[in-house]
């Protein structure tokens, strides 16, 4: 949906545009660091029985 004079942008379009702007101004290192932070936060806040090392191996890179 293109933005016109009195037409609001949809949430999906705003998210897409924000993602595009972020990807233009950040490199791979930025995404790796934030992915690691998110993984650590998820690991700390979830039940260890439901999110063990196998879960993370299946869903991302784990050392």
PDB file of N, CA and C in Angstrom:
ATOM      1  N   UNK A   1       0.850  -1.169   0.000  1.00  0.00           N
ATOM      2  CA  UNK A   1       0.000   0.000   0.000  1.00  0.00           C
ATOM      3  C   UNK A   1       0.896   1.233   0.000  1.00  0.00           C
ATOM      4  N   UNK A   2       0.724   2.057  -0.967  1.00  0.00           N
ATOM      5  CA  UNK A   2       1.518   3.285  -1.043  1.00  0.00           C
ATOM      6  C   UNK A   2       0.876   4.360  -0.170  1.00  0.00           C
ATOM      7  N   UNK A   3       1.720   5.155   0.456  1.00  0.00           N
ATOM      8  CA  UNK A   3       1.207   6.227   1.307  1.00  0.00           C
ATOM      9  C   UNK A   3       0.764   7.400   0.445  1.00  0.00           C
ATOM     10  N   UNK A   4      -0.451   7.872   0.674  1.00  0.00           N
ATOM     11  CA  UNK A   4      -0.993   9.018  -0.060  1.00  0.00           C
ATOM     12  C   UNK A   4      -1.274  10.127   0.932  1.00  0.00           C
ATOM     13  N   UNK A   5      -1.855  11.226   0.482  1.00  0.00           N
ATOM     14  CA  UNK A   5      -2.067  12.406   1.320  1.00  0.00           C
ATOM     15  C   UNK A   5      -2.635  12.084   2.703  1.00  0.00           C
ATOM     16  N   UNK A   6      -3.806  11.487   2.782  1.00  0.00           N
ATOM     17  CA  UNK A   6      -4.447  11.235   4.069  1.00  0.00           C
ATOM     18  C   UNK A   6      -4.525   9.752   4.403  1.00  0.00           C
ATOM     19  N   UNK A   7      -3.786   8.934   3.704  1.00  0.00           N
ATOM     20  CA  UNK A   7      -3.839   7.498   3.906  1.00  0.00           C
ATOM     21  C   UNK A   7      -2.693   7.064   4.824  1.00  0.00           C
ATOM     22  N   UNK A   8      -3.032   6.330   5.873  1.00  0.00           N
ATOM     23  CA  UNK A   8      -2.008   5.863   6.801  1.00  0.00           C
ATOM     24  C   UNK A   8      -1.306   4.633   6.240  1.00  0.00           C
ATOM     25  N   UNK A   9      -0.080   4.466   6.635  1.00  0.00           N
ATOM     26  CA  UNK A   9       0.707   3.305   6.249  1.00  0.00           C
ATOM     27  C   UNK A   9       0.278   2.113   7.110  1.00  0.00           C
ATOM     28  N   UNK A  10       0.203   0.931   6.515  1.00  0.00           N
ATOM     29  CA  UNK A  10      -0.138  -0.262   7.295  1.00  0.00           C
ATOM     30  C   UNK A  10       1.033  -0.617   8.201  1.00  0.00           C
ATOM     31  N   UNK A  11       0.754  -1.387   9.226  1.00  0.00           N
ATOM     32  CA  UNK A  11       1.799  -1.826  10.142  1.00  0.00           C
ATOM     33  C   UNK A  11       2.844  -2.646   9.386  1.00  0.00           C
ATOM     34  N   UNK A  12       2.375  -3.529   8.504  1.00  0.00           N
ATOM     35  CA  UNK A  12       3.290  -4.368   7.742  1.00  0.00           C
ATOM     36  C   UNK A  12       4.223  -3.533   6.869  1.00  0.00           C
ATOM     37  N   UNK A  13       3.678  -2.491   6.245  1.00  0.00           N
ATOM     38  CA  UNK A  13       4.514  -1.639   5.403  1.00  0.00           C
ATOM     39  C   UNK A  13       5.528  -0.866   6.249  1.00  0.00           C
ATOM     40  N   UNK A  14       5.097  -0.388   7.406  1.00  0.00           N
ATOM     41  CA  UNK A  14       6.016   0.332   8.297  1.00  0.00           C
ATOM     42  C   UNK A  14       7.134  -0.592   8.769  1.00  0.00           C
ATOM     43  N   UNK A  15       6.793  -1.850   9.112  1.00  0.00           N
ATOM     44  CA  UNK A  15       7.811  -2.803   9.552  1.00  0.00           C
ATOM     45  C   UNK A  15       8.781  -3.116   8.416  1.00  0.00           C
ATOM     46  N   UNK A  16       8.256  -3.289   7.220  1.00  0.00           N
ATOM     47  CA  UNK A  16       9.104  -3.581   6.067  1.00  0.00           C
ATOM     48  C   UNK A  16      10.062  -2.430   5.802  1.00  0.00           C
ATOM     49  N   UNK A  17       9.541  -1.210   5.813  1.00  0.00           N
ATOM     50  CA  UNK A  17      10.391  -0.046   5.563  1.00  0.00           C
ATOM     51  C   UNK A  17      11.445   0.118   6.660  1.00  0.00           C
ATOM     52  N   UNK A  18      11.054  -0.136   7.906  1.00  0.00           N
ATOM     53  CA  UNK A  18      12.009  -0.055   9.006  1.00  0.00           C
ATOM     54  C   UNK A  18      13.097  -1.109   8.890  1.00  0.00           C
ATOM     55  N   UNK A  19      12.696  -2.320   8.502  1.00  0.00           N
ATOM     56  CA  UNK A  19      13.674  -3.390   8.304  1.00  0.00           C
ATOM     57  C   UNK A  19      14.639  -3.079   7.183  1.00  0.00           C
ATOM     58  N   UNK A  20      14.120  -2.517   6.106  1.00  0.00           N
ATOM     59  CA  UNK A  20      14.984  -2.136   4.981  1.00  0.00           C
ATOM     60  C   UNK A  20      15.975  -1.049   5.397  1.00  0.00           C
ATOM     61  N   UNK A  21      15.496  -0.056   6.128  1.00  0.00           N
ATOM     62  CA  UNK A  21      16.384   1.026   6.581  1.00  0.00           C
ATOM     63  C   UNK A  21      17.457   0.482   7.523  1.00  0.00           C
ATOM     64  N   UNK A  22      17.071  -0.429   8.419  1.00  0.00           N
ATOM     65  CA  UNK A  22      18.034  -1.019   9.348  1.00  0.00           C
ATOM     66  C   UNK A  22      19.079  -1.824   8.591  1.00  0.00           C
ATOM     67  N   UNK A  23      18.634  -2.624   7.609  1.00  0.00           N
ATOM     68  CA  UNK A  23      19.587  -3.463   6.880  1.00  0.00           C
ATOM     69  C   UNK A  23      20.551  -2.636   6.044  1.00  0.00           C
ATOM     70  N   UNK A  24      20.140  -1.452   5.638  1.00  0.00           N
ATOM     71  CA  UNK A  24      21.022  -0.576   4.860  1.00  0.00           C
ATOM     72  C   UNK A  24      22.086   0.086   5.746  1.00  0.00           C
ATOM     73  N   UNK A  25      21.771   0.249   7.028  1.00  0.00           N
ATOM     74  CA  UNK A  25      22.706   0.972   7.900  1.00  0.00           C
ATOM     75  C   UNK A  25      23.486   0.074   8.866  1.00  0.00           C
ATOM     76  N   UNK A  26      23.234  -1.246   8.839  1.00  0.00           N
ATOM     77  CA  UNK A  26      23.931  -2.168   9.740  1.00  0.00           C
ATOM     78  C   UNK A  26      24.499  -3.340   8.954  1.00  0.00           C
ATOM     79  N   UNK A  27      25.564  -3.925   9.498  1.00  0.00           N
ATOM     80  CA  UNK A  27      26.209  -5.048   8.825  1.00  0.00           C
ATOM     81  C   UNK A  27      25.890  -6.376   9.530  1.00  0.00           C
ATOM     82  N   UNK A  28      26.505  -7.435   9.043  1.00  0.00           N
ATOM     83  CA  UNK A  28      26.278  -8.777   9.577  1.00  0.00           C
ATOM     84  C   UNK A  28      26.595  -8.856  11.067  1.00  0.00           C
ATOM     85  N   UNK A  29      27.637  -8.172  11.496  1.00  0.00           N
ATOM     86  CA  UNK A  29      28.047  -8.188  12.895  1.00  0.00           C
ATOM     87  C   UNK A  29      26.924  -7.690  13.807  1.00  0.00           C
ATOM     88  N   UNK A  30      26.217  -6.654  13.390  1.00  0.00           N
ATOM     89  CA  UNK A  30      25.088  -6.101  14.145  1.00  0.00           C
ATOM     90  C   UNK A  30      24.031  -7.174  14.389  1.00  0.00           C
ATOM     91  N   UNK A  31      23.673  -7.904  13.335  1.00  0.00           N
ATOM     92  CA  UNK A  31      22.640  -8.926  13.454  1.00  0.00           C
ATOM     93  C   UNK A  31      23.115 -10.116  14.283  1.00  0.00           C
ATOM     94  N   UNK A  32      24.381 -10.482  14.157  1.00  0.00           N
ATOM     95  CA  UNK A  32      24.921 -11.584  14.959  1.00  0.00           C
ATOM     96  C   UNK A  32      24.891 -11.242  16.440  1.00  0.00           C
ATOM     97  N   UNK A  33      25.300 -10.026  16.798  1.00  0.00           N
ATOM     98  CA  UNK A  33      25.312  -9.613  18.206  1.00  0.00           C
ATOM     99  C   UNK A  33      23.900  -9.577  18.778  1.00  0.00           C
ATOM    100  N   UNK A  34      22.947  -9.036  18.014  1.00  0.00           N
ATOM    101  CA  UNK A  34      21.580  -8.951  18.512  1.00  0.00           C
ATOM    102  C   UNK A  34      20.922 -10.322  18.571  1.00  0.00           C
ATOM    103  N   UNK A  35      21.251 -11.195  17.637  1.00  0.00           N
ATOM    104  CA  UNK A  35      20.728 -12.557  17.689  1.00  0.00           C
ATOM    105  C   UNK A  35      21.240 -13.300  18.910  1.00  0.00           C
ATOM    106  N   UNK A  36      22.503 -13.094  19.232  1.00  0.00           N
ATOM    107  CA  UNK A  36      23.099 -13.728  20.417  1.00  0.00           C
ATOM    108  C   UNK A  36      22.422 -13.207  21.685  1.00  0.00           C
ATOM    109  N   UNK A  37      22.197 -11.888  21.753  1.00  0.00           N
ATOM    110  CA  UNK A  37      21.520 -11.309  22.922  1.00  0.00           C
ATOM    111  C   UNK A  37      20.122 -11.890  23.074  1.00  0.00           C
ATOM    112  N   UNK A  38      19.404 -11.990  21.966  1.00  0.00           N
ATOM    113  CA  UNK A  38      18.044 -12.541  22.007  1.00  0.00           C
ATOM    114  C   UNK A  38      18.044 -13.990  22.437  1.00  0.00           C
ATOM    115  N   UNK A  39      19.002 -14.748  21.939  1.00  0.00           N
ATOM    116  CA  UNK A  39      19.104 -16.155  22.332  1.00  0.00           C
ATOM    117  C   UNK A  39      19.402 -16.316  23.803  1.00  0.00           C
ATOM    118  N   UNK A  40      20.281 -15.480  24.311  1.00  0.00           N
ATOM    119  CA  UNK A  40      20.612 -15.538  25.738  1.00  0.00           C
ATOM    120  C   UNK A  40      19.404 -15.162  26.586  1.00  0.00           C
ATOM    121  N   UNK A  41      18.677 -14.133  26.179  1.00  0.00           N
ATOM    122  CA  UNK A  41      17.494 -13.715  26.929  1.00  0.00           C
ATOM    123  C   UNK A  41      16.431 -14.809  26.912  1.00  0.00           C
ATOM    124  N   UNK A  42      16.246 -15.443  25.764  1.00  0.00           N
ATOM    125  CA  UNK A  42      15.275 -16.534  25.661  1.00  0.00           C
ATOM    126  C   UNK A  42      15.690 -17.694  26.544  1.00  0.00           C
ATOM    127  N   UNK A  43      16.969 -18.011  26.513  1.00  0.00           N
ATOM    128  CA  UNK A  43      17.497 -19.118  27.317  1.00  0.00           C
ATOM    129  C   UNK A  43      17.264 -18.878  28.808  1.00  0.00           C
ATOM    130  N   UNK A  44      17.444 -17.656  29.246  1.00  0.00           N
ATOM    131  CA  UNK A  44      17.289 -17.327  30.669  1.00  0.00           C
ATOM    132  C   UNK A  44      15.827 -17.292  31.091  1.00  0.00           C
ATOM    133  N   UNK A  45      14.933 -16.941  30.179  1.00  0.00           N
ATOM    134  CA  UNK A  45      13.537 -16.741  30.572  1.00  0.00           C
ATOM    135  C   UNK A  45      12.644 -17.954  30.324  1.00  0.00           C
ATOM    136  N   UNK A  46      13.144 -18.991  29.672  1.00  0.00           N
ATOM    137  CA  UNK A  46      12.320 -20.155  29.374  1.00  0.00           C
ATOM    138  C   UNK A  46      12.732 -21.363  30.204  1.00  0.00           C
ATOM    139  N   UNK A  47      11.789 -22.234  30.354  1.00  0.00           N
ATOM    140  CA  UNK A  47      11.996 -23.492  31.062  1.00  0.00           C
ATOM    141  C   UNK A  47      13.090 -24.292  30.370  1.00  0.00           C
ATOM    142  N   UNK A  48      14.082 -24.707  31.098  1.00  0.00           N
ATOM    143  CA  UNK A  48      15.221 -25.434  30.525  1.00  0.00           C
ATOM    144  C   UNK A  48      14.793 -26.757  29.889  1.00  0.00           C
ATOM    145  N   UNK A  49      13.709 -27.364  30.377  1.00  0.00           N
ATOM    146  CA  UNK A  49      13.246 -28.626  29.800  1.00  0.00           C
ATOM    147  C   UNK A  49      12.683 -28.448  28.398  1.00  0.00           C
ATOM    148  N   UNK A  50      12.086 -27.300  28.111  1.00  0.00           N
ATOM    149  CA  UNK A  50      11.485 -27.092  26.792  1.00  0.00           C
ATOM    150  C   UNK A  50      12.436 -26.401  25.809  1.00  0.00           C
ATOM    151  N   UNK A  51      13.475 -25.757  26.312  1.00  0.00           N
ATOM    152  CA  UNK A  51      14.435 -25.070  25.445  1.00  0.00           C
ATOM    153  C   UNK A  51      15.855 -25.455  25.858  1.00  0.00           C
ATOM    154  N   UNK A  52      16.225 -26.686  25.536  1.00  0.00           N
ATOM    155  CA  UNK A  52      17.563 -27.141  25.868  1.00  0.00           C
ATOM    156  C   UNK A  52      18.510 -26.930  24.692  1.00  0.00           C
ATOM    157  N   UNK A  53      19.720 -27.439  24.814  1.00  0.00           N
ATOM    158  CA  UNK A  53      20.731 -27.229  23.776  1.00  0.00           C
ATOM    159  C   UNK A  53      20.278 -27.768  22.420  1.00  0.00           C
ATOM    160  N   UNK A  54      19.536 -28.878  22.401  1.00  0.00           N
ATOM    161  CA  UNK A  54      19.042 -29.434  21.135  1.00  0.00           C
ATOM    162  C   UNK A  54      18.087 -28.466  20.437  1.00  0.00           C
ATOM    163  N   UNK A  55      17.263 -27.772  21.222  1.00  0.00           N
ATOM    164  CA  UNK A  55      16.352 -26.776  20.653  1.00  0.00           C
ATOM    165  C   UNK A  55      17.145 -25.696  19.914  1.00  0.00           C
ATOM    166  N   UNK A  56      18.198 -25.205  20.542  1.00  0.00           N
ATOM    167  CA  UNK A  56      18.987 -24.142  19.941  1.00  0.00           C
ATOM    168  C   UNK A  56      19.809 -24.648  18.762  1.00  0.00           C
ATOM    169  N   UNK A  57      20.274 -25.881  18.811  1.00  0.00           N
ATOM    170  CA  UNK A  57      21.005 -26.444  17.674  1.00  0.00           C
ATOM    171  C   UNK A  57      20.084 -26.523  16.462  1.00  0.00           C
ATOM    172  N   UNK A  58      18.852 -26.922  16.693  1.00  0.00           N
ATOM    173  CA  UNK A  58      17.898 -27.073  15.606  1.00  0.00           C
ATOM    174  C   UNK A  58      17.485 -25.704  15.047  1.00  0.00           C
ATOM    175  N   UNK A  59      17.470 -24.681  15.885  1.00  0.00           N
ATOM    176  CA  UNK A  59      16.977 -23.368  15.493  1.00  0.00           C
ATOM    177  C   UNK A  59      18.067 -22.315  15.323  1.00  0.00           C
ATOM    178  N   UNK A  60      19.289 -22.683  15.402  1.00  0.00           N
ATOM    179  CA  UNK A  60      20.379 -21.725  15.242  1.00  0.00           C
ATOM    180  C   UNK A  60      21.705 -22.365  15.583  1.00  0.00           C
ATOM    181  N   UNK A  61      22.742 -21.612  15.448  1.00  0.00           N
ATOM    182  CA  UNK A  61      24.083 -22.125  15.659  1.00  0.00           C
ATOM    183  C   UNK A  61      24.445 -22.073  17.127  1.00  0.00           C
ATOM    184  N   UNK A  62      24.811 -23.225  17.697  1.00  0.00           N
ATOM    185  CA  UNK A  62      25.233 -23.305  19.087  1.00  0.00           C
ATOM    186  C   UNK A  62      26.595 -23.973  19.128  1.00  0.00           C
ATOM    187  N   UNK A  63      27.506 -23.415  19.894  1.00  0.00           N
ATOM    188  CA  UNK A  63      28.845 -24.007  20.043  1.00  0.00           C
ATOM    189  C   UNK A  63      28.806 -25.198  20.958  1.00  0.00           C
TER     190      UNK A  63
END
